[in-house]
Amino acid sequence: MKIIKHIFDGDFGCEETGSQKPTVSVTLTDEAGNESYVTVEDEWLTNNGLNIGDTWPEN
């Protein structure tokens, strides 16, 4: 099980990114304290109701 430790929004200001949707970098920690990182679309994170302290979905 991994927990969301930090969410970093790398899109600053109002820059256009073309056809790409805005993404965020998410820091995850497991039970042993090991950190891993994923990048996901901000919209996906919001649609799944995920925030700091929440359990990261395994699939």
N, C-alpha and C. Protein backbone atom coordinates (compact mmCIF):
# COMPACT_ATOMS: atom_id res chain seq x y z
N MET A 1 0.84 -1.17 0.00
CA MET A 1 0.00 0.00 0.00
C MET A 1 0.89 1.24 0.00
N LYS A 2 0.55 2.19 -0.86
CA LYS A 2 1.30 3.44 -0.93
C LYS A 2 0.39 4.61 -0.61
N ILE A 3 0.96 5.60 0.05
CA ILE A 3 0.22 6.79 0.47
C ILE A 3 0.77 8.01 -0.29
N ILE A 4 -0.11 8.92 -0.67
CA ILE A 4 0.31 10.14 -1.34
C ILE A 4 0.94 11.08 -0.31
N LYS A 5 2.22 11.39 -0.54
CA LYS A 5 2.96 12.26 0.37
C LYS A 5 2.96 13.71 -0.11
N HIS A 6 3.07 13.90 -1.43
CA HIS A 6 3.19 15.25 -1.97
C HIS A 6 2.67 15.25 -3.40
N ILE A 7 2.02 16.35 -3.78
CA ILE A 7 1.57 16.55 -5.16
C ILE A 7 2.19 17.84 -5.64
N PHE A 8 2.94 17.76 -6.74
CA PHE A 8 3.63 18.92 -7.29
C PHE A 8 3.05 19.26 -8.65
N ASP A 9 2.51 20.46 -8.74
CA ASP A 9 1.96 20.96 -10.00
C ASP A 9 3.08 21.67 -10.75
N GLY A 10 3.57 21.05 -11.79
CA GLY A 10 4.68 21.62 -12.54
C GLY A 10 4.28 22.63 -13.58
N ASP A 11 2.97 22.79 -13.84
CA ASP A 11 2.51 23.75 -14.83
C ASP A 11 2.27 25.09 -14.15
N PHE A 12 3.19 26.01 -14.37
CA PHE A 12 3.08 27.33 -13.75
C PHE A 12 2.40 28.30 -14.71
N GLY A 13 1.63 29.21 -14.16
CA GLY A 13 1.00 30.24 -14.97
C GLY A 13 -0.06 29.67 -15.90
N CYS A 14 -0.20 30.33 -17.02
CA CYS A 14 -1.26 29.95 -17.96
C CYS A 14 -0.67 29.50 -19.29
N GLU A 15 0.49 28.89 -19.25
CA GLU A 15 1.10 28.47 -20.50
C GLU A 15 0.24 27.41 -21.18
N GLU A 16 0.17 27.50 -22.49
CA GLU A 16 -0.52 26.48 -23.26
C GLU A 16 0.44 25.31 -23.46
N THR A 17 -0.06 24.10 -23.26
CA THR A 17 0.78 22.92 -23.45
C THR A 17 0.38 22.16 -24.71
N GLY A 18 -0.29 22.85 -25.63
CA GLY A 18 -0.73 22.18 -26.84
C GLY A 18 -1.93 21.31 -26.54
N SER A 19 -1.93 20.10 -27.06
CA SER A 19 -3.07 19.20 -26.86
C SER A 19 -2.94 18.38 -25.59
N GLN A 20 -1.80 18.50 -24.90
CA GLN A 20 -1.61 17.73 -23.68
C GLN A 20 -2.41 18.31 -22.54
N LYS A 21 -2.94 17.43 -21.70
CA LYS A 21 -3.63 17.87 -20.49
C LYS A 21 -2.59 18.15 -19.42
N PRO A 22 -2.88 19.08 -18.51
CA PRO A 22 -1.93 19.38 -17.43
C PRO A 22 -1.65 18.13 -16.58
N THR A 23 -0.39 17.97 -16.19
CA THR A 23 0.00 16.83 -15.37
C THR A 23 0.57 17.30 -14.04
N VAL A 24 0.60 16.39 -13.08
CA VAL A 24 1.20 16.64 -11.78
C VAL A 24 2.12 15.49 -11.46
N SER A 25 3.15 15.76 -10.65
CA SER A 25 4.04 14.72 -10.15
C SER A 25 3.59 14.38 -8.73
N VAL A 26 3.48 13.09 -8.45
CA VAL A 26 2.99 12.64 -7.16
C VAL A 26 4.10 11.82 -6.47
N THR A 27 4.41 12.19 -5.23
CA THR A 27 5.36 11.43 -4.42
C THR A 27 4.56 10.46 -3.56
N LEU A 28 4.94 9.18 -3.64
CA LEU A 28 4.27 8.13 -2.88
C LEU A 28 5.25 7.53 -1.88
N THR A 29 4.74 7.11 -0.72
CA THR A 29 5.57 6.39 0.24
C THR A 29 4.89 5.08 0.59
N ASP A 30 5.72 4.02 0.75
CA ASP A 30 5.18 2.72 1.15
C ASP A 30 5.36 2.53 2.65
N GLU A 31 4.97 1.34 3.14
CA GLU A 31 5.01 1.06 4.58
C GLU A 31 6.42 1.16 5.16
N ALA A 32 7.44 0.90 4.34
CA ALA A 32 8.83 0.94 4.80
C ALA A 32 9.44 2.34 4.70
N GLY A 33 8.66 3.30 4.19
CA GLY A 33 9.17 4.66 4.05
C GLY A 33 9.86 4.93 2.73
N ASN A 34 9.86 3.94 1.82
CA ASN A 34 10.47 4.13 0.51
C ASN A 34 9.59 5.05 -0.33
N GLU A 35 10.23 5.97 -1.05
CA GLU A 35 9.50 6.89 -1.90
C GLU A 35 9.57 6.47 -3.36
N SER A 36 8.48 6.71 -4.08
CA SER A 36 8.45 6.53 -5.52
C SER A 36 7.67 7.71 -6.10
N TYR A 37 7.77 7.87 -7.41
CA TYR A 37 7.19 9.04 -8.05
C TYR A 37 6.42 8.61 -9.29
N VAL A 38 5.27 9.24 -9.50
CA VAL A 38 4.48 9.00 -10.71
C VAL A 38 4.03 10.36 -11.25
N THR A 39 3.79 10.40 -12.54
CA THR A 39 3.22 11.58 -13.17
C THR A 39 1.88 11.18 -13.76
N VAL A 40 0.85 11.92 -13.41
CA VAL A 40 -0.49 11.63 -13.90
C VAL A 40 -1.16 12.93 -14.32
N GLU A 41 -2.22 12.80 -15.11
CA GLU A 41 -2.98 13.98 -15.48
C GLU A 41 -3.69 14.53 -14.26
N ASP A 42 -3.65 15.83 -14.09
CA ASP A 42 -4.30 16.49 -12.97
C ASP A 42 -5.79 16.15 -12.93
N GLU A 43 -6.41 16.09 -14.10
CA GLU A 43 -7.84 15.77 -14.18
C GLU A 43 -8.13 14.37 -13.62
N TRP A 44 -7.26 13.40 -13.90
CA TRP A 44 -7.44 12.03 -13.38
C TRP A 44 -7.38 12.04 -11.86
N LEU A 45 -6.40 12.76 -11.31
CA LEU A 45 -6.25 12.84 -9.85
C LEU A 45 -7.52 13.43 -9.22
N THR A 46 -8.02 14.51 -9.80
CA THR A 46 -9.22 15.17 -9.29
C THR A 46 -10.45 14.28 -9.44
N ASN A 47 -10.60 13.65 -10.61
CA ASN A 47 -11.76 12.78 -10.85
C ASN A 47 -11.80 11.60 -9.90
N ASN A 48 -10.64 11.15 -9.43
CA ASN A 48 -10.58 10.03 -8.49
C ASN A 48 -10.58 10.50 -7.03
N GLY A 49 -10.69 11.81 -6.82
CA GLY A 49 -10.78 12.36 -5.48
C GLY A 49 -9.55 12.12 -4.63
N LEU A 50 -8.37 12.05 -5.26
CA LEU A 50 -7.14 11.75 -4.54
C LEU A 50 -6.44 13.03 -4.09
N ASN A 51 -5.91 12.98 -2.86
CA ASN A 51 -5.20 14.11 -2.30
C ASN A 51 -4.11 13.60 -1.36
N ILE A 52 -3.33 14.49 -0.83
CA ILE A 52 -2.25 14.13 0.11
C ILE A 52 -2.84 13.37 1.27
N GLY A 53 -2.19 12.25 1.64
CA GLY A 53 -2.64 11.40 2.73
C GLY A 53 -3.52 10.24 2.30
N ASP A 54 -3.99 10.27 1.06
CA ASP A 54 -4.85 9.20 0.56
C ASP A 54 -4.03 8.01 0.09
N THR A 55 -4.67 6.85 0.07
CA THR A 55 -4.04 5.62 -0.44
C THR A 55 -4.06 5.67 -1.97
N TRP A 56 -2.92 5.35 -2.58
CA TRP A 56 -2.79 5.34 -4.04
C TRP A 56 -3.42 4.06 -4.57
N PRO A 57 -4.28 4.17 -5.60
CA PRO A 57 -4.89 2.97 -6.18
C PRO A 57 -3.83 2.10 -6.85
N GLU A 58 -3.91 0.81 -6.64
CA GLU A 58 -2.89 -0.12 -7.15
C GLU A 58 -3.00 -0.37 -8.65
N ASN A 59 -4.16 -0.17 -9.25
CA ASN A 59 -4.29 -0.48 -10.69
C ASN A 59 -4.19 0.73 -11.55
